[in-house]
Amino acid sequence: MSKKVRDCLFWIFVVIFIFGTIIVSLYASGYKFNLSWPPKLNRLLIKTGMLIIKTQPDGAAIYLNNQIQTNQAIFSWQKNDLVTPVKIKNVLPGEYNLKLQRDGYLPWQKEIKIYSGQTTFAEDINLFRSDLPVMISQAKEGEISLNLNRKYLYTAGEKKVIDLKTEQAWLLPIKTAGTWLKNSNELLADGQLFNPGDRNITDYQKSVGVSAENWHDDETANRLYYQNGNSLGYLDINQKTVVSLLNGENYTTYEPRGDKLFVVASSGGKTKLKDYSLKEQKTKQELDLPTVGHYRFIFDNRQFLVLYDDLNKTLYLINPENFSSGIKTIKNIISWEWVDDNTLLYNNNWEIYFFNIKQNNASLLTRVSEELTKIIWNKEKNYLIFSTVKSLVVFDLANGLTTTIFKTEKISSPVLDDKNNTLYFWAKIGQQEGIYKFLLQ
């Protein structure tokens, strides 16, 4: 080889090295050549962006504009599909359709934008299973509820308790709907306490009389309250004594709180909310309520008295210490969930709202195309589940997307075990009516 050829090769390699170094440096700095046709000189070299994606669960394949994303490699056999969680570098700026797919899960997709020199985040994405729900027990339609440790389910349609681990069910000898105690795993109904752990039933109604109804517990005082016609009283469980409290009015609903008893009473054509002191044995404060209404206390917040009017679909939030300090009234409300003591998430027939109690202000979260029946908030995962008559839908608060997880002929009374990511609900699927479970993630 002549010296002239060697010199020529030397300078060729030098030029290649310089251009290669420039290209690698630009790539490392986030630049990329835009080889489009026809070529545009002002768009030939573009500062790229980065895309960070995280899902729950991990392991979802990533598609941008229907093109699966792979790792950077020189040879095709060295390339592998990228899965979440992942950082994708050197993405050309622009609008993309981001789609995530994982076997056994519903696909997720959203329109996103990549900006020059910036990082776009697609995080806190919840993927939901595509499995069909499984029936755990045949049952008539009715409200269902979970106990404190989420091991047992009660269905008012059949008045039975179901062990969620073994799916064994026990019919209870009760006439009215039961309620789980707040601080234990027992069910109270008709003056009877049912313990599903040992299947023991303790009958307190014998001490009071068979006509006693509308039972409530106050575990702080170890008392069982009851209504007997136009009178209210309680049974001291420790002393086995019966104490008469109020009589002479029509008591629609009541809530015991330690040394206080809050009642909605009607007499003389008026309906009042009353604060009765058990210690002083007298009424401390009163509040007039609309006469036409079907009232019931909801025991889901200790800061407020939560009073719901089923007839007019109105919720009253009342300061138990001072009725005159102002009532927060929410009209046209179907169901709700507490975000914290001062924030309520609620729905009417077609819309879901956040309600800030301190500011007395409601802000619209989303509108839906089917009539809503109930909403559930998963506090751990920051998403909503709402039900319609025929479907269960997830609304992700992080990105505002909705995902229909199940549709059938009829659905009612969904409840969430957020600890185990399991949704329970009553449904009619084909000819099968009963309680179903659905593993969300």
Protein backbone atom coordinates (compact mmCIF):
# COMPACT_ATOMS: atom_id res chain seq x y z
CA MET A 1 0.00 0.00 0.00
CA SER A 2 1.42 3.33 -1.03
CA LYS A 3 2.00 6.24 1.35
CA LYS A 4 -0.63 8.30 -0.47
CA VAL A 5 -3.30 5.60 0.12
CA ARG A 6 -2.30 5.27 3.78
CA ASP A 7 -2.56 9.03 4.29
CA CYS A 8 -5.93 9.05 2.62
CA LEU A 9 -7.22 6.23 4.85
CA PHE A 10 -5.81 7.98 7.91
CA TRP A 11 -7.72 11.19 7.22
CA ILE A 12 -10.88 9.24 6.41
CA PHE A 13 -10.71 7.55 9.83
CA VAL A 14 -10.02 10.91 11.47
CA VAL A 15 -13.11 12.41 9.82
CA ILE A 16 -15.21 9.36 10.80
CA PHE A 17 -13.92 9.58 14.36
CA ILE A 18 -14.71 13.29 14.61
CA PHE A 19 -18.20 12.91 13.15
CA GLY A 20 -18.82 9.82 15.28
CA THR A 21 -17.72 11.66 18.40
CA ILE A 22 -20.00 14.60 17.53
CA ILE A 23 -22.95 12.30 16.88
CA VAL A 24 -22.41 10.33 20.13
CA SER A 25 -22.01 13.57 22.08
CA LEU A 26 -25.20 15.01 20.60
CA TYR A 27 -27.07 11.78 21.31
CA ALA A 28 -25.80 11.74 24.89
CA SER A 29 -26.92 15.35 25.24
CA GLY A 30 -30.44 14.45 24.13
CA TYR A 31 -30.30 15.42 20.46
CA LYS A 32 -31.51 13.27 17.61
CA PHE A 33 -31.46 13.51 13.82
CA ASN A 34 -34.96 13.80 12.37
CA LEU A 35 -34.64 11.86 9.10
CA SER A 36 -38.02 12.79 7.63
CA TRP A 37 -38.93 13.25 3.98
CA PRO A 38 -38.83 15.77 2.53
CA PRO A 39 -35.96 16.88 4.75
CA LYS A 40 -36.26 20.14 6.67
CA LEU A 41 -32.97 21.79 7.57
CA ASN A 42 -34.44 23.63 10.55
CA ARG A 43 -35.78 20.30 11.90
CA LEU A 44 -32.80 18.10 11.04
CA LEU A 45 -31.36 18.16 14.57
CA ILE A 46 -33.90 18.12 17.40
CA LYS A 47 -33.56 18.24 21.17
CA THR A 48 -35.46 15.16 22.40
CA GLY A 49 -37.44 14.50 25.55
CA MET A 50 -37.70 11.69 28.07
CA LEU A 51 -40.71 9.57 29.05
CA ILE A 52 -40.94 7.93 32.49
CA ILE A 53 -43.65 5.31 33.00
CA LYS A 54 -44.63 3.48 36.18
CA THR A 55 -47.56 1.09 36.57
CA GLN A 56 -49.19 -1.00 39.27
CA PRO A 57 -48.48 -3.84 38.74
CA ASP A 58 -45.16 -3.69 36.86
CA GLY A 59 -44.38 -5.51 33.64
CA ALA A 60 -46.55 -3.75 31.06
CA ALA A 61 -45.32 -3.53 27.46
CA ILE A 62 -45.17 0.00 26.01
CA TYR A 63 -46.50 1.17 22.65
CA LEU A 64 -46.07 4.66 21.20
CA ASN A 65 -48.33 5.24 18.21
CA ASN A 66 -48.88 1.45 18.07
CA GLN A 67 -45.13 0.78 17.83
CA ILE A 68 -43.73 -1.37 20.60
CA GLN A 69 -40.76 0.16 22.39
CA THR A 70 -37.50 -1.78 22.65
CA ASN A 71 -34.14 -1.18 24.25
CA GLN A 72 -31.35 0.46 22.22
CA ALA A 73 -29.10 -2.12 20.58
CA ILE A 74 -26.93 -2.33 17.48
CA PHE A 75 -28.20 -5.72 16.35
CA SER A 76 -31.87 -6.70 16.12
CA TRP A 77 -31.36 -9.96 18.05
CA GLN A 78 -30.07 -7.96 20.99
CA LYS A 79 -33.26 -5.90 21.29
CA ASN A 80 -35.83 -6.65 24.00
CA ASP A 81 -39.26 -5.16 24.56
CA LEU A 82 -39.31 -2.50 27.26
CA VAL A 83 -41.65 -3.04 30.20
CA THR A 84 -42.67 -0.82 33.10
CA PRO A 85 -41.22 0.74 35.16
CA VAL A 86 -39.00 2.37 32.55
CA LYS A 87 -37.27 5.54 31.38
CA ILE A 88 -37.36 6.03 27.62
CA LYS A 89 -34.75 8.52 26.47
CA ASN A 90 -34.37 10.44 23.21
CA VAL A 91 -38.03 10.55 22.24
CA LEU A 92 -38.76 13.06 19.48
CA PRO A 93 -41.07 15.90 20.61
CA GLY A 94 -44.69 15.60 19.58
CA GLU A 95 -48.03 14.03 20.40
CA TYR A 96 -48.18 10.28 20.97
CA ASN A 97 -50.76 7.66 21.73
CA LEU A 98 -49.34 5.79 24.73
CA LYS A 99 -50.69 2.27 25.16
CA LEU A 100 -49.75 -0.19 27.91
CA GLN A 101 -50.49 -3.90 27.73
CA ARG A 102 -49.92 -6.74 30.18
CA ASP A 103 -51.21 -10.30 29.90
CA GLY A 104 -54.31 -10.84 32.00
CA TYR A 105 -55.01 -7.10 32.33
CA LEU A 106 -57.15 -4.58 30.49
CA PRO A 107 -55.17 -2.34 28.08
CA TRP A 108 -54.52 1.26 29.12
CA GLN A 109 -54.01 4.14 26.72
CA LYS A 110 -53.83 7.92 26.72
CA GLU A 111 -52.74 10.75 24.46
CA ILE A 112 -49.52 12.33 25.77
CA LYS A 113 -47.11 15.07 24.70
CA ILE A 114 -43.32 14.92 24.65
CA TYR A 115 -41.56 18.27 24.95
CA SER A 116 -38.07 19.20 23.79
CA GLY A 117 -35.58 18.97 26.64
CA GLN A 118 -38.22 17.96 29.20
CA THR A 119 -39.35 14.81 30.98
CA THR A 120 -42.93 13.62 30.64
CA PHE A 121 -44.21 11.51 33.53
CA ALA A 122 -46.86 8.80 33.22
CA GLU A 123 -46.86 7.50 36.78
CA ASP A 124 -49.31 6.05 39.29
CA ILE A 125 -51.00 4.13 36.48
CA ASN A 126 -53.29 1.37 37.75
CA LEU A 127 -53.83 -1.64 35.51
CA PHE A 128 -56.89 -3.78 36.16
CA ARG A 129 -57.43 -7.47 35.58
CA SER A 130 -59.45 -8.69 32.64
CA ASP A 131 -60.69 -11.82 34.46
CA LEU A 132 -64.40 -12.47 34.90
CA PRO A 133 -65.84 -12.18 38.43
CA VAL A 134 -66.44 -15.36 40.42
CA MET A 135 -69.63 -16.14 42.32
CA ILE A 136 -69.04 -16.95 45.98
CA SER A 137 -72.66 -17.46 47.07
CA GLN A 138 -76.13 -17.42 45.60
CA ALA A 139 -78.21 -14.62 47.10
CA LYS A 140 -81.14 -12.31 46.53
CA GLU A 141 -80.38 -8.69 45.80
CA GLY A 142 -79.66 -6.60 48.89
CA GLU A 143 -77.08 -4.38 50.58
CA ILE A 144 -73.77 -6.08 51.37
CA SER A 145 -71.07 -5.03 53.82
CA LEU A 146 -67.68 -6.19 55.12
CA ASN A 147 -66.71 -6.53 58.76
CA LEU A 148 -63.78 -4.79 60.44
CA ASN A 149 -61.05 -7.27 59.47
CA ARG A 150 -62.56 -7.91 56.01
CA LYS A 151 -62.82 -11.64 56.64
CA TYR A 152 -66.60 -11.83 56.56
CA LEU A 153 -69.35 -10.42 54.36
CA TYR A 154 -72.97 -9.81 55.30
CA THR A 155 -75.74 -9.74 52.71
CA ALA A 156 -79.09 -8.26 53.69
CA GLY A 157 -80.77 -9.93 50.72
CA GLU A 158 -80.42 -13.34 52.34
CA LYS A 159 -79.55 -12.22 55.91
CA LYS A 160 -76.49 -14.39 55.95
CA VAL A 161 -72.80 -14.09 56.69
CA ILE A 162 -70.16 -15.47 54.31
CA ASP A 163 -66.64 -16.49 55.29
CA LEU A 164 -64.60 -14.94 52.46
CA LYS A 165 -61.75 -17.43 52.84
CA THR A 166 -63.77 -20.66 52.80
CA GLU A 167 -66.89 -19.13 51.14
CA GLN A 168 -69.01 -20.95 53.71
CA ALA A 169 -72.27 -19.15 54.55
CA TRP A 170 -74.53 -19.04 57.63
CA LEU A 171 -78.17 -17.96 57.57
CA LEU A 172 -78.99 -15.83 60.60
CA PRO A 173 -82.27 -16.05 62.57
CA ILE A 174 -83.03 -12.34 62.19
CA LYS A 175 -85.87 -10.32 60.70
CA THR A 176 -84.25 -6.93 60.08
CA ALA A 177 -80.97 -5.98 58.42
CA GLY A 178 -77.84 -6.31 60.53
CA THR A 179 -74.86 -3.98 60.89
CA TRP A 180 -71.23 -4.72 61.70
CA LEU A 181 -69.89 -3.17 64.88
CA LYS A 182 -67.30 -0.47 64.26
CA ASN A 183 -64.67 -1.71 66.71
CA SER A 184 -65.15 -5.47 66.56
CA ASN A 185 -66.03 -8.23 64.12
CA GLU A 186 -69.54 -8.91 65.42
CA LEU A 187 -72.83 -8.32 63.63
CA LEU A 188 -75.74 -6.67 65.48
CA ALA A 189 -79.33 -7.38 64.46
CA ASP A 190 -82.60 -7.74 66.39
CA GLY A 191 -80.76 -7.36 69.69
CA GLN A 192 -78.48 -10.28 68.86
CA LEU A 193 -74.70 -10.23 68.45
CA PHE A 194 -73.33 -12.76 66.01
CA ASN A 195 -69.63 -13.62 66.19
CA PRO A 196 -68.61 -15.29 62.89
CA GLY A 197 -65.32 -16.47 64.39
CA ASP A 198 -66.93 -18.97 66.76
CA ARG A 199 -70.45 -18.69 65.24
CA ASN A 200 -71.78 -17.75 68.66
CA ILE A 201 -75.01 -15.73 68.99
CA THR A 202 -75.62 -13.69 72.13
CA ASP A 203 -79.29 -12.74 72.48
CA TYR A 204 -79.83 -9.45 74.35
CA GLN A 205 -83.37 -8.96 73.17
CA LYS A 206 -84.64 -11.33 75.86
CA SER A 207 -83.63 -8.74 78.45
CA VAL A 208 -85.56 -5.96 76.75
CA GLY A 209 -88.54 -7.53 75.00
CA VAL A 210 -89.40 -8.82 71.55
CA SER A 211 -90.92 -5.50 70.47
CA ALA A 212 -87.55 -3.70 70.73
CA GLU A 213 -86.10 -2.73 67.36
CA ASN A 214 -83.75 -0.32 65.59
CA TRP A 215 -80.73 -1.41 67.63
CA HIS A 216 -77.45 0.54 67.77
CA ASP A 217 -74.31 0.05 69.79
CA ASP A 218 -72.08 2.45 71.67
CA GLU A 219 -68.96 0.45 72.40
CA THR A 220 -67.32 3.33 74.27
CA ALA A 221 -69.97 2.90 76.98
CA ASN A 222 -70.61 -0.83 76.40
CA ARG A 223 -74.30 -0.20 75.75
CA LEU A 224 -76.86 -1.44 73.26
CA TYR A 225 -79.49 1.17 72.39
CA TYR A 226 -82.92 0.26 71.10
CA GLN A 227 -86.28 1.73 70.13
CA ASN A 228 -89.54 0.39 71.51
CA GLY A 229 -92.46 2.13 69.84
CA ASN A 230 -92.34 5.80 70.86
CA SER A 231 -89.58 5.33 73.41
CA LEU A 232 -85.79 5.00 73.41
CA GLY A 233 -83.60 3.21 75.92
CA TYR A 234 -80.45 1.20 76.34
CA LEU A 235 -79.19 -2.04 77.81
CA ASP A 236 -76.04 -1.87 79.92
CA ILE A 237 -74.24 -5.02 78.84
CA ASN A 238 -71.98 -5.18 81.90
CA GLN A 239 -74.68 -4.52 84.51
CA LYS A 240 -77.43 -6.30 82.56
CA THR A 241 -79.73 -3.38 83.36
CA VAL A 242 -82.30 -1.65 81.16
CA VAL A 243 -82.54 2.16 81.21
CA SER A 244 -85.44 4.14 79.70
CA LEU A 245 -84.38 7.48 78.18
CA LEU A 246 -86.97 9.23 76.02
CA ASN A 247 -90.64 8.71 75.22
CA GLY A 248 -93.72 10.44 73.92
CA GLU A 249 -92.56 11.44 70.42
CA ASN A 250 -92.11 9.75 67.07
CA TYR A 251 -88.37 9.00 66.92
CA THR A 252 -87.32 8.59 63.31
CA THR A 253 -83.61 7.94 63.83
CA TYR A 254 -81.00 8.36 66.54
CA GLU A 255 -77.26 8.19 67.16
CA PRO A 256 -75.61 7.53 70.55
CA ARG A 257 -72.29 9.25 71.25
CA GLY A 258 -70.91 8.65 74.72
CA ASP A 259 -72.96 10.77 77.15
CA LYS A 260 -75.09 12.22 74.35
CA LEU A 261 -77.99 10.90 72.36
CA PHE A 262 -78.89 12.68 69.12
CA VAL A 263 -82.43 12.04 67.91
CA VAL A 264 -84.74 13.16 65.12
CA ALA A 265 -88.17 13.51 66.70
CA SER A 266 -91.55 14.50 65.25
CA SER A 267 -94.48 15.90 67.20
CA GLY A 268 -97.07 18.63 66.75
CA GLY A 269 -96.42 18.80 63.01
CA LYS A 270 -92.76 19.69 63.50
CA THR A 271 -89.55 17.70 63.02
CA LYS A 272 -86.52 18.50 65.15
CA LEU A 273 -82.98 17.29 65.66
CA LYS A 274 -82.34 17.12 69.42
CA ASP A 275 -79.21 16.80 71.53
CA TYR A 276 -80.12 14.86 74.67
CA SER A 277 -77.64 14.74 77.56
CA LEU A 278 -77.65 11.35 79.29
CA LYS A 279 -75.82 12.78 82.29
CA GLU A 280 -78.19 15.73 82.84
CA GLN A 281 -81.22 13.88 81.45
CA LYS A 282 -82.41 16.81 79.40
CA THR A 283 -82.34 18.25 75.90
CA LYS A 284 -79.41 20.65 75.45
CA GLN A 285 -80.05 21.99 71.94
CA GLU A 286 -82.52 21.67 69.09
CA LEU A 287 -82.59 22.25 65.35
CA ASP A 288 -85.63 22.49 63.07
CA LEU A 289 -85.65 20.16 60.06
CA PRO A 290 -87.93 20.07 57.02
CA THR A 291 -91.10 18.24 58.04
CA VAL A 292 -91.32 16.17 54.87
CA GLY A 293 -88.35 13.79 54.86
CA HIS A 294 -87.17 10.27 55.66
CA TYR A 295 -84.17 10.79 57.92
CA ARG A 296 -81.44 8.43 59.08
CA PHE A 297 -78.10 8.94 60.76
CA ILE A 298 -75.01 7.65 58.95
CA PHE A 299 -72.23 6.56 61.31
CA ASP A 300 -69.21 7.35 59.14
CA ASN A 301 -67.70 10.55 60.59
CA ARG A 302 -66.97 11.51 64.19
CA GLN A 303 -66.44 15.20 63.50
CA PHE A 304 -69.96 15.78 62.20
CA LEU A 305 -73.42 14.42 62.70
CA VAL A 306 -74.17 12.93 59.29
CA LEU A 307 -77.91 12.96 58.65
CA TYR A 308 -79.36 11.77 55.33
CA ASP A 309 -82.82 12.38 53.95
CA ASP A 310 -83.65 9.42 51.68
CA LEU A 311 -86.81 11.05 50.37
CA ASN A 312 -85.23 14.29 49.17
CA LYS A 313 -81.69 12.92 48.60
CA THR A 314 -80.21 15.55 50.91
CA LEU A 315 -77.21 15.22 53.23
CA TYR A 316 -76.83 17.36 56.38
CA LEU A 317 -73.46 17.78 58.09
CA ILE A 318 -73.94 19.21 61.57
CA ASN A 319 -71.53 20.24 64.31
CA PRO A 320 -72.54 18.02 67.27
CA GLU A 321 -71.22 20.55 69.80
CA ASN A 322 -73.04 23.56 68.39
CA PHE A 323 -76.04 23.20 66.11
CA SER A 324 -76.18 26.97 65.50
CA SER A 325 -72.65 27.14 64.07
CA GLY A 326 -74.03 26.30 60.66
CA ILE A 327 -75.21 23.28 58.73
CA LYS A 328 -73.56 22.08 55.56
CA THR A 329 -76.29 20.89 53.20
CA ILE A 330 -75.67 18.90 50.03
CA LYS A 331 -78.71 18.35 47.84
CA ASN A 332 -79.29 15.78 45.12
CA ILE A 333 -76.71 13.34 46.54
CA ILE A 334 -76.89 9.57 45.97
CA SER A 335 -73.76 8.20 47.65
CA TRP A 336 -70.49 9.51 49.09
CA GLU A 337 -67.07 8.67 50.52
CA TRP A 338 -64.95 10.61 53.01
CA VAL A 339 -61.51 11.63 51.75
CA ASP A 340 -60.71 13.10 55.17
CA ASP A 341 -62.70 14.77 57.96
CA ASN A 342 -63.19 17.92 55.87
CA THR A 343 -63.42 16.58 52.31
CA LEU A 344 -66.28 14.60 50.85
CA LEU A 345 -66.42 12.80 47.54
CA TYR A 346 -70.03 12.40 46.37
CA ASN A 347 -72.20 11.76 43.35
CA ASN A 348 -75.63 12.62 42.07
CA ASN A 349 -77.19 10.68 39.20
CA TRP A 350 -74.72 11.77 36.52
CA GLU A 351 -71.82 13.66 38.16
CA ILE A 352 -69.09 13.16 40.77
CA TYR A 353 -67.95 16.05 42.98
CA PHE A 354 -65.37 16.99 45.60
CA PHE A 355 -66.92 18.92 48.48
CA ASN A 356 -64.68 21.07 50.70
CA ILE A 357 -66.50 21.45 54.00
CA LYS A 358 -64.41 24.34 55.33
CA GLN A 359 -64.95 26.37 52.16
CA ASN A 360 -68.50 25.04 51.68
CA ASN A 361 -67.66 24.56 48.03
CA ALA A 362 -68.30 21.71 45.57
CA SER A 363 -66.09 21.18 42.50
CA LEU A 364 -67.02 18.92 39.61
CA LEU A 365 -64.72 15.93 39.12
CA THR A 366 -66.34 14.19 36.16
CA ARG A 367 -69.60 13.53 34.31
CA VAL A 368 -70.69 10.07 33.16
CA SER A 369 -73.01 8.78 30.48
CA GLU A 370 -74.83 6.20 32.63
CA GLU A 371 -76.82 6.84 35.79
CA LEU A 372 -74.65 6.39 38.88
CA THR A 373 -75.71 4.21 41.80
CA LYS A 374 -72.66 4.22 44.10
CA ILE A 375 -69.05 5.42 44.36
CA ILE A 376 -66.15 3.87 46.27
CA TRP A 377 -62.79 5.53 46.82
CA ASN A 378 -59.63 3.45 47.07
CA LYS A 379 -57.53 5.59 49.40
CA GLU A 380 -54.38 3.51 48.91
CA LYS A 381 -54.37 3.62 45.10
CA ASN A 382 -56.05 7.02 44.51
CA TYR A 383 -58.79 5.83 42.19
CA LEU A 384 -62.59 5.68 42.25
CA ILE A 385 -64.85 2.80 41.50
CA PHE A 386 -68.37 3.74 40.52
CA SER A 387 -71.28 1.52 39.65
CA THR A 388 -74.24 1.92 37.38
CA VAL A 389 -77.12 -0.51 37.07
CA LYS A 390 -75.18 -2.59 34.55
CA SER A 391 -71.48 -1.78 34.90
CA LEU A 392 -68.50 -1.28 37.19
CA VAL A 393 -66.12 1.49 36.15
CA VAL A 394 -62.80 2.75 37.52
CA PHE A 395 -62.00 6.45 37.42
CA ASP A 396 -58.29 7.20 37.95
CA LEU A 397 -57.86 10.49 39.78
CA ALA A 398 -54.20 10.75 38.71
CA ASN A 399 -54.93 10.98 34.97
CA GLY A 400 -58.71 11.39 34.67
CA LEU A 401 -59.20 8.18 32.67
CA THR A 402 -62.09 5.75 33.05
CA THR A 403 -61.86 1.98 32.58
CA THR A 404 -64.92 -0.27 32.42
CA ILE A 405 -63.92 -3.42 34.30
CA PHE A 406 -67.18 -5.34 34.05
CA LYS A 407 -70.65 -5.18 32.47
CA THR A 408 -73.66 -7.47 32.93
CA GLU A 409 -77.46 -7.47 33.22
CA LYS A 410 -77.68 -5.97 36.72
CA ILE A 411 -75.22 -4.88 39.43
CA SER A 412 -75.74 -3.41 42.89
CA SER A 413 -74.08 -2.69 46.24
CA PRO A 414 -70.34 -2.96 45.44
CA VAL A 415 -67.97 -2.93 48.44
CA LEU A 416 -64.18 -2.79 48.35
CA ASP A 417 -61.62 -4.74 50.32
CA ASP A 418 -58.77 -2.31 49.60
CA LYS A 419 -56.36 -4.42 51.66
CA ASN A 420 -56.65 -7.37 49.28
CA ASN A 421 -57.65 -5.41 46.14
CA THR A 422 -60.90 -7.32 45.89
CA LEU A 423 -64.30 -5.96 44.92
CA TYR A 424 -67.48 -7.70 46.11
CA PHE A 425 -70.92 -6.98 44.66
CA TRP A 426 -74.32 -8.44 43.96
CA ALA A 427 -75.02 -9.20 40.29
CA LYS A 428 -77.23 -11.07 37.92
CA ILE A 429 -75.10 -12.79 35.27
CA GLY A 430 -77.18 -14.90 32.95
CA GLN A 431 -79.43 -16.99 35.21
CA GLN A 432 -77.09 -16.71 38.21
CA GLU A 433 -77.92 -14.21 40.95
CA GLY A 434 -75.60 -13.84 43.90
CA ILE A 435 -72.54 -12.34 45.52
CA TYR A 436 -69.51 -12.08 43.22
CA LYS A 437 -65.88 -11.22 43.83
CA PHE A 438 -63.47 -9.57 41.42
CA LEU A 439 -59.71 -9.29 41.94
CA LEU A 440 -58.81 -5.81 40.73
CA GLN A 441 -55.00 -5.98 40.39
